[in-house]
C-alpha cells in the first residue's frame, strides 16, 4: 500500500468510551506523579526510557519500577486511545471484548507484551459501555450479569505494580460494582520460553501482539519462529490473532543477508509460503499496511499525547 493510500482510524468509535475519558483514567491513576511529586524525577525517568527505546534496548527500558511507571504515564495513554479505536473498528475483536460472540457471555484475551497497560485500558474502554449497570437491580437474572472478560497481560518485565494501580482505577472510575466482571491477570513470563499450557493458549479467543513482535524477533529469531509455530499448533479454531507494529523501515527485519518488512515473515509463518491464498493454519481477516491514529489537539493531559502510524494484521485460526 503506497503512501497515498494511508488511512486514518476514527478518533473515537462509538463502541468505546471517549478518548478524553480514557486519558482521564491515567490522570486519576497517576495523580501523585503527574501533579503532586517532584516533576524532575518523572522527567528524568522518561528521558531514561526514551534513550533506551531509541537504542532498542528494550530490557533496559523497563528494568526498574520507576522506568515502568514513567513509560506508562508518558506513552500508554496514547497507545490506549489508539487501541480503543482499532479494537472497536474490527468487528470480531469488538464482539470478543464485549463478550457478544456466538452468544458467549465470557471471553479470554491474552496481550503479549501488554504489561504497560495500553491494551488493558483499550479493552476496558470497550467492555465498560457494554455492561448493563441496571442489571444488578433487576428481578430476574440477565445474561449481562454473567458477562466476564478475562485479560492476561504477559510480559518479560514485572509490570504487576503498574497493572494493580490501573485495575484499581478501572474499578473505581468505570466498573464500580461490576469490577468482578473484568478479570485481569499479570503474568511475568518470557513468551519465547513459556509453554502453551503456561499461557493457556487453547482457551483463548483473542491474542494481541501490539508493538511487540519486532522486539521478540530482535531478542531471538529462532525462538520467535517456534513461538508462532506453537500458536499454529495450539490455538483453537476460531481464535483471533491481532498484530500491530510501527509502519515503515523501523519494523524491517534482517534474515541472512536480506532485509524485509516483518509482516511478510509473519504472513509466511501463519498463512504459508503463498500468503493469504495458502493452506496455512490461519486465514487473514483484515489488514492495513499503513494507518494513522491522530489524537485531537485539545486532549487534556499534562504530557504529550502522540499520534501513531502502524500496520496491523488480524488473523483467524481455521
Protein backbone atom coordinates (compact mmCIF):
# COMPACT_ATOMS: atom_id res chain seq x y z
CA UNK A 1 0.00 0.00 0.00
CA UNK A 2 1.51 3.29 -1.07
CA UNK A 3 1.82 6.49 0.89
CA UNK A 4 -1.25 7.99 -0.75
CA UNK A 5 -3.31 5.03 0.44
CA UNK A 6 -2.54 5.63 4.12
CA UNK A 7 -5.79 5.65 6.07
CA UNK A 8 -6.78 7.17 9.38
CA UNK A 9 -8.65 5.50 12.21
CA UNK A 10 -11.58 7.44 13.64
CA UNK A 11 -10.58 9.47 16.69
CA UNK A 12 -13.46 7.89 18.58
CA UNK A 13 -15.58 4.83 17.80
CA UNK A 14 -18.97 4.73 19.48
CA UNK A 15 -18.26 1.26 20.89
CA UNK A 16 -15.70 2.69 23.31
CA UNK A 17 -15.55 5.37 25.95
CA UNK A 18 -14.42 8.75 24.56
CA UNK A 19 -10.64 9.33 24.28
CA UNK A 20 -10.71 12.03 26.95
CA UNK A 21 -12.32 9.61 29.40
CA UNK A 22 -9.55 7.12 28.66
CA UNK A 23 -6.83 9.71 29.21
CA UNK A 24 -8.57 10.91 32.37
CA UNK A 25 -8.21 7.43 33.84
CA UNK A 26 -4.42 7.77 33.65
CA UNK A 27 -4.66 11.19 35.32
CA UNK A 28 -6.56 9.62 38.21
CA UNK A 29 -4.30 6.58 38.41
CA UNK A 30 -1.04 8.54 38.40
CA UNK A 31 -2.24 11.66 40.17
CA UNK A 32 0.73 11.67 42.56
CA UNK A 33 3.40 11.50 39.86
CA UNK A 34 1.67 13.93 37.50
CA UNK A 35 0.58 16.60 39.93
CA UNK A 36 1.98 16.15 43.43
CA UNK A 37 5.55 14.86 43.16
CA UNK A 38 8.80 16.47 42.02
CA UNK A 39 8.32 16.69 38.25
CA UNK A 40 12.07 16.47 37.74
CA UNK A 41 12.06 12.87 38.93
CA UNK A 42 9.37 11.86 36.45
CA UNK A 43 11.05 13.81 33.62
CA UNK A 44 14.41 12.14 34.28
CA UNK A 45 12.82 8.68 34.27
CA UNK A 46 11.01 9.43 31.00
CA UNK A 47 14.24 10.62 29.38
CA UNK A 48 16.00 7.44 30.51
CA UNK A 49 13.28 5.27 28.98
CA UNK A 50 13.33 7.33 25.78
CA UNK A 51 17.08 6.83 25.40
CA UNK A 52 16.78 3.07 25.91
CA UNK A 53 13.94 2.81 23.39
CA UNK A 54 15.92 4.83 20.86
CA UNK A 55 18.78 2.34 21.26
CA UNK A 56 16.26 -0.53 21.01
CA UNK A 57 17.44 -1.79 24.40
CA UNK A 58 14.01 -2.91 25.49
CA UNK A 59 15.13 -4.84 28.54
CA UNK A 60 16.94 -1.76 29.91
CA UNK A 61 13.93 0.47 29.18
CA UNK A 62 11.78 -1.45 31.65
CA UNK A 63 14.31 -2.66 34.23
CA UNK A 64 13.11 -0.63 37.23
CA UNK A 65 9.77 0.29 38.85
CA UNK A 66 10.48 3.97 38.18
CA UNK A 67 11.04 3.39 34.46
CA UNK A 68 7.97 1.20 34.09
CA UNK A 69 5.77 3.76 35.82
CA UNK A 70 7.27 6.58 33.73
CA UNK A 71 6.64 4.67 30.50
CA UNK A 72 3.02 4.02 31.43
CA UNK A 73 2.42 7.67 32.30
CA UNK A 74 4.11 9.03 29.18
CA UNK A 75 3.20 6.58 26.40
CA UNK A 76 0.34 4.30 27.48
CA UNK A 77 -2.41 6.97 27.19
CA UNK A 78 -1.52 7.44 23.50
CA UNK A 79 -1.50 3.69 22.96
CA UNK A 80 -4.76 3.17 24.84
CA UNK A 81 -6.82 5.62 22.78
CA UNK A 82 -5.41 4.26 19.53
CA UNK A 83 -6.02 0.65 20.60
CA UNK A 84 -9.59 1.51 21.63
CA UNK A 85 -10.26 2.82 18.13
CA UNK A 86 -8.55 -0.13 16.43
CA UNK A 87 -10.28 -2.77 18.56
CA UNK A 88 -13.64 -1.09 18.02
CA UNK A 89 -13.43 -0.95 14.25
CA UNK A 90 -12.54 -4.65 13.91
CA UNK A 91 -15.90 -6.35 14.38
CA UNK A 92 -14.67 -9.79 15.56
CA UNK A 93 -12.36 -8.13 18.09
CA UNK A 94 -15.10 -5.80 19.28
CA UNK A 95 -17.52 -8.70 19.76
CA UNK A 96 -14.97 -10.69 21.75
CA UNK A 97 -14.26 -7.76 24.06
CA UNK A 98 -17.97 -7.16 24.61
CA UNK A 99 -18.49 -10.91 25.24
CA UNK A 100 -21.06 -10.99 22.45
CA UNK A 101 -19.53 -13.54 20.09
CA UNK A 102 -21.63 -16.61 19.28
CA UNK A 103 -23.84 -15.99 22.28
CA UNK A 104 -20.98 -16.46 24.73
CA UNK A 105 -21.08 -14.30 27.85
CA UNK A 106 -17.37 -14.69 28.52
CA UNK A 107 -14.16 -14.11 26.58
CA UNK A 108 -10.48 -14.85 27.15
CA UNK A 109 -7.88 -12.42 25.83
CA UNK A 110 -4.09 -12.57 26.08
CA UNK A 111 -1.99 -9.46 25.43
CA UNK A 112 1.63 -10.38 24.79
CA UNK A 113 3.92 -7.54 25.81
CA UNK A 114 0.89 -5.81 27.34
CA UNK A 115 2.29 -5.04 30.77
CA UNK A 116 2.31 -1.27 30.28
CA UNK A 117 -1.47 -1.16 30.28
CA UNK A 118 -2.30 0.34 26.89
CA UNK A 119 -4.08 -2.83 25.79
CA UNK A 120 -5.82 -3.25 29.15
CA UNK A 121 -7.28 0.25 29.14
CA UNK A 122 -8.22 -0.03 25.47
CA UNK A 123 -10.06 -3.29 26.19
CA UNK A 124 -11.73 -1.94 29.34
CA UNK A 125 -12.89 1.18 27.50
CA UNK A 126 -14.97 -1.07 25.19
CA UNK A 127 -16.02 -3.63 27.79
CA UNK A 128 -17.36 -0.98 30.22
CA UNK A 129 -20.03 0.52 27.90
CA UNK A 130 -21.23 -2.99 27.03
CA UNK A 131 -22.31 -3.64 30.64
CA UNK A 132 -25.89 -3.16 31.72
CA UNK A 133 -25.33 -1.38 35.00
CA UNK A 134 -29.04 -1.69 35.85
CA UNK A 135 -28.98 -5.48 35.61
CA UNK A 136 -27.84 -5.88 39.23
CA UNK A 137 -31.17 -4.47 40.34
CA UNK A 138 -33.40 -6.46 38.01
CA UNK A 139 -35.73 -9.07 39.49
CA UNK A 140 -34.59 -11.72 37.01
CA UNK A 141 -31.06 -12.71 36.16
CA UNK A 142 -29.97 -11.38 32.77
CA UNK A 143 -27.16 -12.52 30.52
CA UNK A 144 -25.32 -9.24 31.14
CA UNK A 145 -24.91 -10.17 34.79
CA UNK A 146 -22.82 -13.23 33.92
CA UNK A 147 -20.62 -11.38 31.42
CA UNK A 148 -16.92 -11.84 32.12
CA UNK A 149 -13.84 -10.69 30.25
CA UNK A 150 -10.57 -12.33 31.28
CA UNK A 151 -7.42 -10.47 30.25
CA UNK A 152 -3.93 -11.95 30.62
CA UNK A 153 -1.13 -9.40 30.34
CA UNK A 154 2.06 -11.31 29.57
CA UNK A 155 5.38 -9.50 29.75
CA UNK A 156 9.04 -10.30 30.33
CA UNK A 157 9.26 -7.32 32.72
CA UNK A 158 7.36 -7.30 36.01
CA UNK A 159 4.56 -4.79 35.45
CA UNK A 160 2.38 -6.13 38.28
CA UNK A 161 2.57 -2.94 40.40
CA UNK A 162 1.51 -0.76 37.45
CA UNK A 163 -1.25 -3.19 36.48
CA UNK A 164 -2.61 -3.22 40.04
CA UNK A 165 -2.86 0.56 40.01
CA UNK A 166 -4.64 0.54 36.66
CA UNK A 167 -7.03 -2.20 37.82
CA UNK A 168 -7.88 -0.17 40.90
CA UNK A 169 -8.61 2.91 38.81
CA UNK A 170 -10.77 0.93 36.36
CA UNK A 171 -12.76 -0.39 39.33
CA UNK A 172 -13.17 3.00 41.00
CA UNK A 173 -13.83 5.14 37.91
CA UNK A 174 -15.52 2.83 35.39
CA UNK A 175 -16.77 -0.53 36.63
CA UNK A 176 -17.87 0.11 40.23
CA UNK A 177 -19.86 -2.93 41.44
CA UNK A 178 -19.19 -4.74 38.15
CA UNK A 179 -15.44 -4.94 38.86
CA UNK A 180 -15.58 -8.72 39.14
CA UNK A 181 -16.76 -8.89 35.52
CA UNK A 182 -13.23 -7.97 34.41
CA UNK A 183 -10.60 -10.49 35.49
CA UNK A 184 -7.09 -9.09 34.90
CA UNK A 185 -4.03 -11.29 35.34
CA UNK A 186 -0.46 -10.01 35.12
CA UNK A 187 1.99 -12.77 34.10
CA UNK A 188 5.73 -12.09 34.34
CA UNK A 189 6.88 -14.56 31.67
CA UNK A 190 9.11 -14.77 28.63
CA UNK A 191 6.65 -15.99 25.99
CA UNK A 192 9.50 -17.43 23.93
CA UNK A 193 10.21 -19.88 26.75
CA UNK A 194 6.68 -20.42 28.04
CA UNK A 195 4.60 -23.45 27.07
CA UNK A 196 1.11 -23.40 25.63
CA UNK A 197 -0.23 -24.61 28.98
CA UNK A 198 1.66 -21.87 30.86
CA UNK A 199 -0.18 -19.32 28.72
CA UNK A 200 -3.50 -21.15 28.47
CA UNK A 201 -3.36 -20.86 24.69
CA UNK A 202 -6.08 -23.42 23.78
CA UNK A 203 -8.75 -21.48 25.72
CA UNK A 204 -8.03 -18.08 24.17
CA UNK A 205 -10.49 -16.17 21.98
CA UNK A 206 -8.09 -13.34 21.11
CA UNK A 207 -4.32 -12.82 21.23
CA UNK A 208 -2.78 -9.40 20.73
CA UNK A 209 0.83 -8.70 19.79
CA UNK A 210 0.95 -4.92 19.65
CA UNK A 211 4.32 -3.27 19.08
CA UNK A 212 5.94 -6.40 20.49
CA UNK A 213 6.65 -8.71 17.54
CA UNK A 214 9.69 -6.74 16.44
CA UNK A 215 11.13 -6.94 19.97
CA UNK A 216 10.64 -10.71 20.05
CA UNK A 217 12.47 -11.25 16.76
CA UNK A 218 15.30 -8.93 17.81
CA UNK A 219 15.69 -10.94 21.02
CA UNK A 220 15.55 -14.40 19.47
CA UNK A 221 14.61 -15.07 15.82
CA UNK A 222 14.56 -18.86 16.14
CA UNK A 223 12.62 -18.70 19.41
CA UNK A 224 10.09 -16.32 17.85
CA UNK A 225 9.55 -18.65 14.90
CA UNK A 226 8.99 -21.52 17.34
CA UNK A 227 6.51 -19.36 19.27
CA UNK A 228 4.42 -18.71 16.15
CA UNK A 229 4.57 -22.41 15.29
CA UNK A 230 3.26 -23.13 18.79
CA UNK A 231 0.32 -20.80 18.13
CA UNK A 232 -0.26 -22.63 14.85
CA UNK A 233 -0.48 -25.93 16.71
CA UNK A 234 -2.20 -24.95 19.97
CA UNK A 235 -4.70 -22.17 19.25
CA UNK A 236 -8.27 -23.39 18.96
CA UNK A 237 -10.31 -22.94 15.82
CA UNK A 238 -11.94 -19.50 15.81
CA UNK A 239 -9.22 -17.82 17.89
CA UNK A 240 -8.17 -14.41 16.55
CA UNK A 241 -4.65 -13.02 16.49
CA UNK A 242 -4.14 -9.26 16.14
CA UNK A 243 -0.65 -7.97 15.34
CA UNK A 244 0.28 -4.31 15.05
CA UNK A 245 3.71 -2.77 14.60
CA UNK A 246 5.26 0.51 13.52
CA UNK A 247 4.84 1.12 9.80
CA UNK A 248 7.95 1.68 7.71
CA UNK A 249 11.57 0.64 7.96
CA UNK A 250 11.61 0.53 11.77
CA UNK A 251 9.86 -2.84 11.57
CA UNK A 252 12.09 -4.36 8.91
CA UNK A 253 13.92 -7.48 9.96
CA UNK A 254 17.17 -8.99 8.70
CA UNK A 255 17.24 -12.70 7.93
CA UNK A 256 20.53 -13.85 6.47
CA UNK A 257 21.66 -11.17 4.05
CA UNK A 258 18.15 -9.90 3.30
CA UNK A 259 16.07 -7.21 4.99
CA UNK A 260 12.31 -7.10 4.59
CA UNK A 261 9.12 -6.00 6.43
CA UNK A 262 8.38 -8.18 9.41
CA UNK A 263 4.77 -8.66 8.30
CA UNK A 264 5.99 -10.70 5.33
CA UNK A 265 7.67 -13.15 7.69
CA UNK A 266 4.60 -13.32 9.93
CA UNK A 267 2.33 -13.94 6.94
CA UNK A 268 4.59 -16.76 5.81
CA UNK A 269 4.60 -18.37 9.27
CA UNK A 270 0.82 -18.15 9.70
CA UNK A 271 -0.58 -18.33 6.18
CA UNK A 272 2.06 -20.37 4.38
CA UNK A 273 4.55 -19.51 1.67
CA UNK A 274 1.94 -18.37 -0.83
CA UNK A 275 0.48 -15.78 1.51
CA UNK A 276 -3.22 -15.23 2.10
CA UNK A 277 -4.24 -17.80 -0.55
CA UNK A 278 -2.19 -20.58 1.06
CA UNK A 279 -3.50 -23.53 3.01
CA UNK A 280 -1.86 -22.46 6.26
CA UNK A 281 -3.43 -22.85 9.72
CA UNK A 282 -4.70 -19.23 9.78
CA UNK A 283 -6.74 -17.05 7.45
CA UNK A 284 -6.20 -13.32 7.04
CA UNK A 285 -9.36 -11.46 8.08
CA UNK A 286 -8.29 -7.83 7.90
CA UNK A 287 -5.12 -5.83 7.27
CA UNK A 288 -3.67 -2.41 6.63
CA UNK A 289 -0.03 -1.70 5.85
CA UNK A 290 -0.15 1.94 6.88
CA UNK A 291 -2.78 3.53 9.08
CA UNK A 292 -2.74 6.56 11.38
CA UNK A 293 -4.36 7.24 14.68
CA UNK A 294 -4.35 11.00 15.26
CA UNK A 295 -5.33 12.32 18.66
CA UNK A 296 -7.35 15.51 18.93
CA UNK A 297 -5.26 18.61 19.54
CA UNK A 298 -7.30 19.59 22.58
CA UNK A 299 -6.65 16.43 24.62
CA UNK A 300 -6.33 17.42 28.29
CA UNK A 301 -3.25 15.61 29.62
CA UNK A 302 -0.12 17.04 31.26
CA UNK A 303 2.21 15.26 28.80
CA UNK A 304 2.20 14.97 25.01
CA UNK A 305 -0.35 12.58 23.54
CA UNK A 306 1.28 11.04 20.47
CA UNK A 307 -0.11 10.21 17.06
CA UNK A 308 0.62 6.70 15.84
CA UNK A 309 1.29 5.24 12.38
CA UNK A 310 1.34 1.47 12.18
CA UNK A 311 0.38 -1.61 10.22
CA UNK A 312 -1.94 -4.31 11.51
CA UNK A 313 -2.95 -7.85 10.63
CA UNK A 314 -5.97 -9.70 12.01
CA UNK A 315 -5.85 -13.49 11.59
CA UNK A 316 -8.38 -16.19 12.44
CA UNK A 317 -7.42 -19.77 13.26
CA UNK A 318 -9.09 -22.18 10.86
